[in-house]
PDB file of all heavy atoms in Angstrom:
ATOM      1  N   GLN A   1      -2.233   0.695  -4.805  1.00  0.00           N
ATOM      2  CA  GLN A   1      -2.739  -0.310  -3.871  1.00  0.00           C
ATOM      3  C   GLN A   1      -2.026  -0.236  -2.525  1.00  0.00           C
ATOM      4  O   GLN A   1      -2.654  -0.370  -1.469  1.00  0.00           O
ATOM      5  CB  GLN A   1      -2.576  -1.704  -4.472  1.00  0.00           C
ATOM      6  CG  GLN A   1      -3.540  -2.012  -5.606  1.00  0.00           C
ATOM      7  CD  GLN A   1      -3.290  -3.395  -6.168  1.00  0.00           C
ATOM      8  OE1 GLN A   1      -2.767  -3.543  -7.270  1.00  0.00           O
ATOM      9  NE2 GLN A   1      -3.637  -4.419  -5.412  1.00  0.00           N
ATOM     10  N   ALA A   2      -0.713  -0.045  -2.557  1.00  0.00           N
ATOM     11  CA  ALA A   2       0.058  -0.023  -1.313  1.00  0.00           C
ATOM     12  C   ALA A   2      -0.362   1.141  -0.424  1.00  0.00           C
ATOM     13  O   ALA A   2      -0.465   0.996   0.803  1.00  0.00           O
ATOM     14  CB  ALA A   2       1.549   0.056  -1.617  1.00  0.00           C
ATOM     15  N   MET A   3      -0.607   2.296  -1.009  1.00  0.00           N
ATOM     16  CA  MET A   3      -1.025   3.452  -0.207  1.00  0.00           C
ATOM     17  C   MET A   3      -2.412   3.241   0.385  1.00  0.00           C
ATOM     18  O   MET A   3      -2.698   3.666   1.516  1.00  0.00           O
ATOM     19  CB  MET A   3      -0.988   4.719  -1.055  1.00  0.00           C
ATOM     20  CG  MET A   3       0.412   5.137  -1.494  1.00  0.00           C
ATOM     21  SD  MET A   3       1.577   5.405  -0.138  1.00  0.00           S
ATOM     22  CE  MET A   3       0.972   6.970   0.492  1.00  0.00           C
ATOM     23  N   GLN A   4      -3.283   2.567  -0.350  1.00  0.00           N
ATOM     24  CA  GLN A   4      -4.606   2.229   0.186  1.00  0.00           C
ATOM     25  C   GLN A   4      -4.474   1.265   1.357  1.00  0.00           C
ATOM     26  O   GLN A   4      -5.105   1.448   2.412  1.00  0.00           O
ATOM     27  CB  GLN A   4      -5.473   1.597  -0.909  1.00  0.00           C
ATOM     28  CG  GLN A   4      -5.918   2.542  -1.997  1.00  0.00           C
ATOM     29  CD  GLN A   4      -6.561   1.780  -3.161  1.00  0.00           C
ATOM     30  OE1 GLN A   4      -6.261   0.602  -3.413  1.00  0.00           O
ATOM     31  NE2 GLN A   4      -7.438   2.452  -3.886  1.00  0.00           N
ATOM     32  N   MET A   5      -3.661   0.236   1.178  1.00  0.00           N
ATOM     33  CA  MET A   5      -3.546  -0.807   2.195  1.00  0.00           C
ATOM     34  C   MET A   5      -2.832  -0.302   3.446  1.00  0.00           C
ATOM     35  O   MET A   5      -3.206  -0.644   4.564  1.00  0.00           O
ATOM     36  CB  MET A   5      -2.803  -2.017   1.615  1.00  0.00           C
ATOM     37  CG  MET A   5      -3.579  -2.767   0.553  1.00  0.00           C
ATOM     38  SD  MET A   5      -2.586  -4.033  -0.309  1.00  0.00           S
ATOM     39  CE  MET A   5      -2.120  -5.100   1.055  1.00  0.00           C
ATOM     40  N   ARG A   6      -1.779   0.488   3.261  1.00  0.00           N
ATOM     41  CA  ARG A   6      -0.944   0.869   4.401  1.00  0.00           C
ATOM     42  C   ARG A   6      -1.512   2.059   5.164  1.00  0.00           C
ATOM     43  O   ARG A   6      -1.461   2.091   6.396  1.00  0.00           O
ATOM     44  CB  ARG A   6       0.473   1.163   3.912  1.00  0.00           C
ATOM     45  CG  ARG A   6       1.425   1.565   5.034  1.00  0.00           C
ATOM     46  CD  ARG A   6       2.822   1.042   4.804  1.00  0.00           C
ATOM     47  NE  ARG A   6       3.177   0.015   5.779  1.00  0.00           N
ATOM     48  CZ  ARG A   6       4.408  -0.405   6.028  1.00  0.00           C
ATOM     49  NH1 ARG A   6       5.428   0.057   5.324  1.00  0.00           N
ATOM     50  NH2 ARG A   6       4.657  -1.319   6.940  1.00  0.00           N
ATOM     51  N   TYR A   7      -2.050   3.047   4.451  1.00  0.00           N
ATOM     52  CA  TYR A   7      -2.451   4.293   5.103  1.00  0.00           C
ATOM     53  C   TYR A   7      -3.892   4.702   4.840  1.00  0.00           C
ATOM     54  O   TYR A   7      -4.335   5.743   5.344  1.00  0.00           O
ATOM     55  CB  TYR A   7      -1.522   5.436   4.663  1.00  0.00           C
ATOM     56  CG  TYR A   7      -0.067   5.170   4.965  1.00  0.00           C
ATOM     57  CD1 TYR A   7       0.888   5.215   3.955  1.00  0.00           C
ATOM     58  CD2 TYR A   7       0.361   4.857   6.252  1.00  0.00           C
ATOM     59  CE1 TYR A   7       2.230   4.967   4.213  1.00  0.00           C
ATOM     60  CE2 TYR A   7       1.694   4.598   6.529  1.00  0.00           C
ATOM     61  CZ  TYR A   7       2.628   4.657   5.504  1.00  0.00           C
ATOM     62  OH  TYR A   7       3.942   4.399   5.775  1.00  0.00           O
ATOM     63  N   GLY A   8      -4.603   3.923   4.035  1.00  0.00           N
ATOM     64  CA  GLY A   8      -5.971   4.310   3.706  1.00  0.00           C
ATOM     65  C   GLY A   8      -6.031   5.557   2.850  1.00  0.00           C
ATOM     66  O   GLY A   8      -7.020   6.291   2.884  1.00  0.00           O
ATOM     67  N   VAL A   9      -4.977   5.798   2.059  1.00  0.00           N
ATOM     68  CA  VAL A   9      -4.910   6.974   1.194  1.00  0.00           C
ATOM     69  C   VAL A   9      -5.150   6.531  -0.247  1.00  0.00           C
ATOM     70  O   VAL A   9      -4.439   5.665  -0.764  1.00  0.00           O
ATOM     71  CB  VAL A   9      -3.544   7.680   1.307  1.00  0.00           C
ATOM     72  CG1 VAL A   9      -3.415   8.767   0.242  1.00  0.00           C
ATOM     73  CG2 VAL A   9      -3.368   8.277   2.696  1.00  0.00           C
ATOM     74  N   GLU A  10      -6.140   7.123  -0.885  1.00  0.00           N
ATOM     75  CA  GLU A  10      -6.440   6.853  -2.292  1.00  0.00           C
ATOM     76  C   GLU A  10      -5.765   7.938  -3.135  1.00  0.00           C
ATOM     77  O   GLU A  10      -6.150   9.105  -3.076  1.00  0.00           O
ATOM     78  CB  GLU A  10      -7.946   6.862  -2.526  1.00  0.00           C
ATOM     79  CG  GLU A  10      -8.366   6.775  -3.995  1.00  0.00           C
ATOM     80  CD  GLU A  10      -7.749   5.599  -4.732  1.00  0.00           C
ATOM     81  OE1 GLU A  10      -8.121   4.447  -4.415  1.00  0.00           O
ATOM     82  OE2 GLU A  10      -6.893   5.828  -5.606  1.00  0.00           O
ATOM     83  N   ILE A  11      -4.741   7.545  -3.900  1.00  0.00           N
ATOM     84  CA  ILE A  11      -4.030   8.538  -4.700  1.00  0.00           C
ATOM     85  C   ILE A  11      -4.662   8.718  -6.073  1.00  0.00           C
ATOM     86  O   ILE A  11      -4.300   9.650  -6.800  1.00  0.00           O
ATOM     87  CB  ILE A  11      -2.538   8.186  -4.842  1.00  0.00           C
ATOM     88  CG1 ILE A  11      -2.345   6.836  -5.536  1.00  0.00           C
ATOM     89  CG2 ILE A  11      -1.855   8.221  -3.482  1.00  0.00           C
ATOM     90  CD1 ILE A  11      -0.891   6.523  -5.860  1.00  0.00           C
ATOM     91  N   GLY A  12      -5.600   7.839  -6.448  1.00  0.00           N
ATOM     92  CA  GLY A  12      -6.304   8.012  -7.702  1.00  0.00           C
ATOM     93  C   GLY A  12      -5.534   7.514  -8.908  1.00  0.00           C
ATOM     94  O   GLY A  12      -4.517   6.821  -8.784  1.00  0.00           O
ATOM     95  N   PRO A  13      -6.008   7.884 -10.095  1.00  0.00           N
ATOM     96  CA  PRO A  13      -5.477   7.306 -11.333  1.00  0.00           C
ATOM     97  C   PRO A  13      -4.123   7.846 -11.745  1.00  0.00           C
ATOM     98  O   PRO A  13      -3.452   7.256 -12.595  1.00  0.00           O
ATOM     99  CB  PRO A  13      -6.531   7.687 -12.372  1.00  0.00           C
ATOM    100  CG  PRO A  13      -7.098   8.978 -11.854  1.00  0.00           C
ATOM    101  CD  PRO A  13      -7.121   8.831 -10.353  1.00  0.00           C
ATOM    102  N   GLY A  14      -3.699   8.962 -11.179  1.00  0.00           N
ATOM    103  CA  GLY A  14      -2.446   9.560 -11.616  1.00  0.00           C
ATOM    104  C   GLY A  14      -2.578  10.182 -12.990  1.00  0.00           C
ATOM    105  O   GLY A  14      -3.628  10.111 -13.641  1.00  0.00           O
ATOM    106  N   ALA A  15      -1.521  10.831 -13.432  1.00  0.00           N
ATOM    107  CA  ALA A  15      -1.522  11.510 -14.725  1.00  0.00           C
ATOM    108  C   ALA A  15      -0.668  10.724 -15.709  1.00  0.00           C
ATOM    109  O   ALA A  15       0.479  10.393 -15.421  1.00  0.00           O
ATOM    110  CB  ALA A  15      -0.984  12.934 -14.570  1.00  0.00           C
ATOM    111  N   ALA A  16      -1.239  10.420 -16.865  1.00  0.00           N
ATOM    112  CA  ALA A  16      -0.512   9.693 -17.906  1.00  0.00           C
ATOM    113  C   ALA A  16       0.667  10.537 -18.389  1.00  0.00           C
ATOM    114  O   ALA A  16       0.658  11.761 -18.237  1.00  0.00           O
ATOM    115  CB  ALA A  16      -1.467   9.380 -19.052  1.00  0.00           C
ATOM    116  N   PRO A  17       1.708   9.947 -18.966  1.00  0.00           N
ATOM    117  CA  PRO A  17       1.774   8.540 -19.369  1.00  0.00           C
ATOM    118  C   PRO A  17       2.348   7.595 -18.320  1.00  0.00           C
ATOM    119  O   PRO A  17       2.148   6.384 -18.429  1.00  0.00           O
ATOM    120  CB  PRO A  17       2.716   8.585 -20.572  1.00  0.00           C
ATOM    121  CG  PRO A  17       3.652   9.702 -20.244  1.00  0.00           C
ATOM    122  CD  PRO A  17       2.822  10.743 -19.535  1.00  0.00           C
ATOM    123  N   ASN A  18       3.068   8.092 -17.310  1.00  0.00           N
ATOM    124  CA  ASN A  18       3.786   7.158 -16.440  1.00  0.00           C
ATOM    125  C   ASN A  18       2.960   6.695 -15.255  1.00  0.00           C
ATOM    126  O   ASN A  18       3.486   6.108 -14.329  1.00  0.00           O
ATOM    127  CB  ASN A  18       5.103   7.769 -15.953  1.00  0.00           C
ATOM    128  CG  ASN A  18       4.900   9.000 -15.090  1.00  0.00           C
ATOM    129  OD1 ASN A  18       3.916   9.706 -15.252  1.00  0.00           O
ATOM    130  ND2 ASN A  18       5.824   9.268 -14.183  1.00  0.00           N
ATOM    131  N   ALA A  19       1.649   6.944 -15.296  1.00  0.00           N
ATOM    132  CA  ALA A  19       0.807   6.495 -14.203  1.00  0.00           C
ATOM    133  C   ALA A  19      -0.310   5.581 -14.677  1.00  0.00           C
ATOM    134  O   ALA A  19      -1.318   5.427 -13.989  1.00  0.00           O
ATOM    135  CB  ALA A  19       0.207   7.702 -13.478  1.00  0.00           C
ATOM    136  N   ALA A  20      -0.133   5.003 -15.847  1.00  0.00           N
ATOM    137  CA  ALA A  20      -1.167   4.101 -16.349  1.00  0.00           C
ATOM    138  C   ALA A  20      -1.394   2.981 -15.340  1.00  0.00           C
ATOM    139  O   ALA A  20      -0.451   2.348 -14.876  1.00  0.00           O
ATOM    140  CB  ALA A  20      -0.748   3.534 -17.701  1.00  0.00           C
ATOM    141  N   PHE A  21      -2.653   2.753 -14.998  1.00  0.00           N
ATOM    142  CA  PHE A  21      -2.985   1.742 -13.998  1.00  0.00           C
ATOM    143  C   PHE A  21      -3.038   0.384 -14.677  1.00  0.00           C
ATOM    144  O   PHE A  21      -3.905   0.126 -15.505  1.00  0.00           O
ATOM    145  CB  PHE A  21      -4.320   2.073 -13.327  1.00  0.00           C
ATOM    146  CG  PHE A  21      -4.619   1.200 -12.136  1.00  0.00           C
ATOM    147  CD1 PHE A  21      -4.064   1.476 -10.904  1.00  0.00           C
ATOM    148  CD2 PHE A  21      -5.438   0.092 -12.245  1.00  0.00           C
ATOM    149  CE1 PHE A  21      -4.329   0.678  -9.802  1.00  0.00           C
ATOM    150  CE2 PHE A  21      -5.701  -0.718 -11.162  1.00  0.00           C
ATOM    151  CZ  PHE A  21      -5.156  -0.424  -9.931  1.00  0.00           C
ATOM    152  N   GLY A  22      -2.095  -0.467 -14.344  1.00  0.00           N
ATOM    153  CA  GLY A  22      -2.007  -1.769 -14.985  1.00  0.00           C
ATOM    154  C   GLY A  22      -2.699  -2.854 -14.189  1.00  0.00           C
ATOM    155  O   GLY A  22      -3.640  -2.608 -13.432  1.00  0.00           O
ATOM    156  N   LYS A  23      -2.196  -4.060 -14.339  1.00  0.00           N
ATOM    157  CA  LYS A  23      -2.772  -5.231 -13.690  1.00  0.00           C
ATOM    158  C   LYS A  23      -2.665  -5.103 -12.167  1.00  0.00           C
ATOM    159  O   LYS A  23      -1.609  -4.742 -11.635  1.00  0.00           O
ATOM    160  CB  LYS A  23      -2.033  -6.474 -14.158  1.00  0.00           C
ATOM    161  CG  LYS A  23      -2.549  -7.774 -13.558  1.00  0.00           C
ATOM    162  CD  LYS A  23      -1.737  -8.952 -14.078  1.00  0.00           C
ATOM    163  CE  LYS A  23      -2.197 -10.250 -13.430  1.00  0.00           C
ATOM    164  NZ  LYS A  23      -1.386 -11.407 -13.904  1.00  0.00           N
ATOM    165  N   PRO A  24      -3.745  -5.387 -11.442  1.00  0.00           N
ATOM    166  CA  PRO A  24      -3.683  -5.306  -9.974  1.00  0.00           C
ATOM    167  C   PRO A  24      -2.642  -6.267  -9.404  1.00  0.00           C
ATOM    168  O   PRO A  24      -2.409  -7.354  -9.940  1.00  0.00           O
ATOM    169  CB  PRO A  24      -5.099  -5.708  -9.546  1.00  0.00           C
ATOM    170  CG  PRO A  24      -5.964  -5.424 -10.719  1.00  0.00           C
ATOM    171  CD  PRO A  24      -5.100  -5.694 -11.922  1.00  0.00           C
ATOM    172  N   TRP A  25      -2.032  -5.833  -8.315  1.00  0.00           N
ATOM    173  CA  TRP A  25      -1.055  -6.662  -7.622  1.00  0.00           C
ATOM    174  C   TRP A  25      -1.737  -7.595  -6.628  1.00  0.00           C
ATOM    175  O   TRP A  25      -2.815  -7.297  -6.113  1.00  0.00           O
ATOM    176  CB  TRP A  25      -0.070  -5.770  -6.862  1.00  0.00           C
ATOM    177  CG  TRP A  25       0.901  -5.056  -7.741  1.00  0.00           C
ATOM    178  CD1 TRP A  25       0.680  -3.921  -8.473  1.00  0.00           C
ATOM    179  CD2 TRP A  25       2.260  -5.428  -7.993  1.00  0.00           C
ATOM    180  NE1 TRP A  25       1.804  -3.545  -9.159  1.00  0.00           N
ATOM    181  CE2 TRP A  25       2.801  -4.451  -8.879  1.00  0.00           C
ATOM    182  CE3 TRP A  25       3.078  -6.461  -7.554  1.00  0.00           C
ATOM    183  CZ2 TRP A  25       4.116  -4.503  -9.337  1.00  0.00           C
ATOM    184  CZ3 TRP A  25       4.391  -6.510  -8.001  1.00  0.00           C
ATOM    185  CH2 TRP A  25       4.903  -5.549  -8.882  1.00  0.00           C
ATOM    186  N   ASP A  26      -1.083  -8.704  -6.366  1.00  0.00           N
ATOM    187  CA  ASP A  26      -1.534  -9.624  -5.332  1.00  0.00           C
ATOM    188  C   ASP A  26      -1.328  -8.964  -3.967  1.00  0.00           C
ATOM    189  O   ASP A  26      -0.214  -8.553  -3.626  1.00  0.00           O
ATOM    190  CB  ASP A  26      -0.737 -10.922  -5.432  1.00  0.00           C
ATOM    191  CG  ASP A  26      -1.076 -11.908  -4.329  1.00  0.00           C
ATOM    192  OD1 ASP A  26      -2.239 -11.927  -3.891  1.00  0.00           O
ATOM    193  OD2 ASP A  26      -0.167 -12.635  -3.889  1.00  0.00           O
ATOM    194  N   GLU A  27      -2.381  -8.841  -3.186  1.00  0.00           N
ATOM    195  CA  GLU A  27      -2.273  -8.158  -1.899  1.00  0.00           C
ATOM    196  C   GLU A  27      -1.313  -8.874  -0.954  1.00  0.00           C
ATOM    197  O   GLU A  27      -0.657  -8.226  -0.127  1.00  0.00           O
ATOM    198  CB  GLU A  27      -3.651  -8.002  -1.265  1.00  0.00           C
ATOM    199  CG  GLU A  27      -4.537  -6.999  -1.998  1.00  0.00           C
ATOM    200  CD  GLU A  27      -5.800  -6.664  -1.227  1.00  0.00           C
ATOM    201  OE1 GLU A  27      -5.999  -7.223  -0.114  1.00  0.00           O
ATOM    202  OE2 GLU A  27      -6.585  -5.826  -1.719  1.00  0.00           O
ATOM    203  N   ALA A  28      -1.235 -10.177  -1.067  1.00  0.00           N
ATOM    204  CA  ALA A  28      -0.297 -10.909  -0.208  1.00  0.00           C
ATOM    205  C   ALA A  28       1.151 -10.504  -0.524  1.00  0.00           C
ATOM    206  O   ALA A  28       1.981 -10.389   0.389  1.00  0.00           O
ATOM    207  CB  ALA A  28      -0.480 -12.416  -0.391  1.00  0.00           C
ATOM    208  N   PHE A  29       1.457 -10.289  -1.806  1.00  0.00           N
ATOM    209  CA  PHE A  29       2.796  -9.832  -2.176  1.00  0.00           C
ATOM    210  C   PHE A  29       3.066  -8.452  -1.572  1.00  0.00           C
ATOM    211  O   PHE A  29       4.153  -8.193  -1.032  1.00  0.00           O
ATOM    212  CB  PHE A  29       2.947  -9.767  -3.697  1.00  0.00           C
ATOM    213  CG  PHE A  29       4.209  -9.073  -4.139  1.00  0.00           C
ATOM    214  CD1 PHE A  29       5.421  -9.740  -4.150  1.00  0.00           C
ATOM    215  CD2 PHE A  29       4.182  -7.734  -4.516  1.00  0.00           C
ATOM    216  CE1 PHE A  29       6.591  -9.098  -4.527  1.00  0.00           C
ATOM    217  CE2 PHE A  29       5.352  -7.074  -4.900  1.00  0.00           C
ATOM    218  CZ  PHE A  29       6.553  -7.763  -4.907  1.00  0.00           C
ATOM    219  N   ILE A  30       2.090  -7.552  -1.664  1.00  0.00           N
ATOM    220  CA  ILE A  30       2.288  -6.206  -1.123  1.00  0.00           C
ATOM    221  C   ILE A  30       2.544  -6.278   0.377  1.00  0.00           C
ATOM    222  O   ILE A  30       3.447  -5.611   0.897  1.00  0.00           O
ATOM    223  CB  ILE A  30       1.065  -5.311  -1.436  1.00  0.00           C
ATOM    224  CG1 ILE A  30       0.945  -5.105  -2.950  1.00  0.00           C
ATOM    225  CG2 ILE A  30       1.181  -3.970  -0.721  1.00  0.00           C
ATOM    226  CD1 ILE A  30      -0.280  -4.318  -3.379  1.00  0.00           C
ATOM    227  N   ARG A  31       1.801  -7.108   1.077  1.00  0.00           N
ATOM    228  CA  ARG A  31       2.028  -7.249   2.531  1.00  0.00           C
ATOM    229  C   ARG A  31       3.419  -7.804   2.812  1.00  0.00           C
ATOM    230  O   ARG A  31       4.078  -7.400   3.774  1.00  0.00           O
ATOM    231  CB  ARG A  31       0.956  -8.146   3.142  1.00  0.00           C
ATOM    232  CG  ARG A  31      -0.432  -7.527   3.152  1.00  0.00           C
ATOM    233  CD  ARG A  31      -1.394  -8.328   4.025  1.00  0.00           C
ATOM    234  NE  ARG A  31      -2.733  -7.788   3.926  1.00  0.00           N
ATOM    235  CZ  ARG A  31      -3.665  -8.207   3.074  1.00  0.00           C
ATOM    236  NH1 ARG A  31      -3.387  -9.217   2.251  1.00  0.00           N
ATOM    237  NH2 ARG A  31      -4.852  -7.649   3.047  1.00  0.00           N
ATOM    238  N   ARG A  32       3.883  -8.723   1.974  1.00  0.00           N
ATOM    239  CA  ARG A  32       5.232  -9.271   2.168  1.00  0.00           C
ATOM    240  C   ARG A  32       6.286  -8.188   1.979  1.00  0.00           C
ATOM    241  O   ARG A  32       7.312  -8.193   2.671  1.00  0.00           O
ATOM    242  CB  ARG A  32       5.484 -10.436   1.202  1.00  0.00           C
ATOM    243  CG  ARG A  32       4.762 -11.723   1.578  1.00  0.00           C
ATOM    244  CD  ARG A  32       5.350 -12.932   0.848  1.00  0.00           C
ATOM    245  NE  ARG A  32       5.222 -12.851  -0.598  1.00  0.00           N
ATOM    246  CZ  ARG A  32       4.157 -13.267  -1.274  1.00  0.00           C
ATOM    247  NH1 ARG A  32       3.124 -13.803  -0.637  1.00  0.00           N
ATOM    248  NH2 ARG A  32       4.126 -13.164  -2.601  1.00  0.00           N
ATOM    249  N   THR A  33       6.053  -7.265   1.046  1.00  0.00           N
ATOM    250  CA  THR A  33       7.026  -6.183   0.877  1.00  0.00           C
ATOM    251  C   THR A  33       7.046  -5.297   2.135  1.00  0.00           C
ATOM    252  O   THR A  33       8.110  -4.880   2.584  1.00  0.00           O
ATOM    253  CB  THR A  33       6.726  -5.321  -0.366  1.00  0.00           C
ATOM    254  OG1 THR A  33       5.472  -4.642  -0.239  1.00  0.00           O
ATOM    255  CG2 THR A  33       6.738  -6.177  -1.618  1.00  0.00           C
ATOM    256  N   PHE A  34       5.879  -4.992   2.679  1.00  0.00           N
ATOM    257  CA  PHE A  34       5.833  -4.210   3.913  1.00  0.00           C
ATOM    258  C   PHE A  34       6.609  -4.916   5.028  1.00  0.00           C
ATOM    259  O   PHE A  34       7.463  -4.321   5.694  1.00  0.00           O
ATOM    260  CB  PHE A  34       4.385  -4.013   4.398  1.00  0.00           C
ATOM    261  CG  PHE A  34       3.495  -3.204   3.493  1.00  0.00           C
ATOM    262  CD1 PHE A  34       2.116  -3.272   3.630  1.00  0.00           C
ATOM    263  CD2 PHE A  34       4.011  -2.367   2.512  1.00  0.00           C
ATOM    264  CE1 PHE A  34       1.268  -2.521   2.839  1.00  0.00           C
ATOM    265  CE2 PHE A  34       3.172  -1.616   1.706  1.00  0.00           C
ATOM    266  CZ  PHE A  34       1.791  -1.702   1.862  1.00  0.00           C
ATOM    267  N   ASP A  35       6.279  -6.200   5.208  1.00  0.00           N
ATOM    268  CA  ASP A  35       6.882  -6.956   6.314  1.00  0.00           C
ATOM    269  C   ASP A  35       8.389  -7.110   6.134  1.00  0.00           C
ATOM    270  O   ASP A  35       9.166  -6.987   7.095  1.00  0.00           O
ATOM    271  CB  ASP A  35       6.223  -8.338   6.416  1.00  0.00           C
ATOM    272  CG  ASP A  35       4.760  -8.258   6.851  1.00  0.00           C
ATOM    273  OD1 ASP A  35       4.332  -7.213   7.350  1.00  0.00           O
ATOM    274  OD2 ASP A  35       4.050  -9.272   6.650  1.00  0.00           O
ATOM    275  N   GLY A  36       8.821  -7.381   4.902  1.00  0.00           N
ATOM    276  CA  GLY A  36      10.236  -7.608   4.654  1.00  0.00           C
ATOM    277  C   GLY A  36      11.072  -6.372   4.875  1.00  0.00           C
ATOM    278  O   GLY A  36      12.122  -6.420   5.538  1.00  0.00           O
ATOM    279  N   VAL A  37      10.634  -5.239   4.343  1.00  0.00           N
ATOM    280  CA  VAL A  37      11.398  -3.994   4.475  1.00  0.00           C
ATOM    281  C   VAL A  37      11.394  -3.522   5.938  1.00  0.00           C
ATOM    282  O   VAL A  37      12.422  -3.114   6.483  1.00  0.00           O
ATOM    283  CB  VAL A  37      10.849  -2.900   3.545  1.00  0.00           C
ATOM    284  CG1 VAL A  37      11.505  -1.549   3.814  1.00  0.00           C
ATOM    285  CG2 VAL A  37      11.072  -3.299   2.077  1.00  0.00           C
ATOM    286  N   ASP A  38      10.250  -3.584   6.569  1.00  0.00           N
ATOM    287  CA  ASP A  38      10.165  -3.162   7.972  1.00  0.00           C
ATOM    288  C   ASP A  38      11.045  -4.038   8.871  1.00  0.00           C
ATOM    289  O   ASP A  38      11.746  -3.529   9.761  1.00  0.00           O
ATOM    290  CB  ASP A  38       8.722  -3.215   8.470  1.00  0.00           C
ATOM    291  CG  ASP A  38       7.849  -2.120   7.862  1.00  0.00           C
ATOM    292  OD1 ASP A  38       8.390  -1.221   7.211  1.00  0.00           O
ATOM    293  OD2 ASP A  38       6.623  -2.165   8.070  1.00  0.00           O
ATOM    294  N   ALA A  39      11.018  -5.345   8.635  1.00  0.00           N
ATOM    295  CA  ALA A  39      11.832  -6.237   9.455  1.00  0.00           C
ATOM    296  C   ALA A  39      13.316  -5.976   9.248  1.00  0.00           C
ATOM    297  O   ALA A  39      14.109  -6.005  10.202  1.00  0.00           O
ATOM    298  CB  ALA A  39      11.496  -7.700   9.113  1.00  0.00           C
ATOM    299  N   ALA A  40      13.720  -5.706   7.999  1.00  0.00           N
ATOM    300  CA  ALA A  40      15.135  -5.436   7.727  1.00  0.00           C
ATOM    301  C   ALA A  40      15.632  -4.174   8.435  1.00  0.00           C
ATOM    302  O   ALA A  40      16.803  -4.085   8.806  1.00  0.00           O
ATOM    303  CB  ALA A  40      15.351  -5.303   6.213  1.00  0.00           C
TER     304      ALA A  40
END
């Protein structure tokens, strides 16, 4: 989700097992991570 939101890059489903696509994240939380790290 973050790569889609920040750069418009779709990385796709990834390769199992460590890329299992779980519950979607709240987009507001993702934006807060961008803003917080960039501001720091």
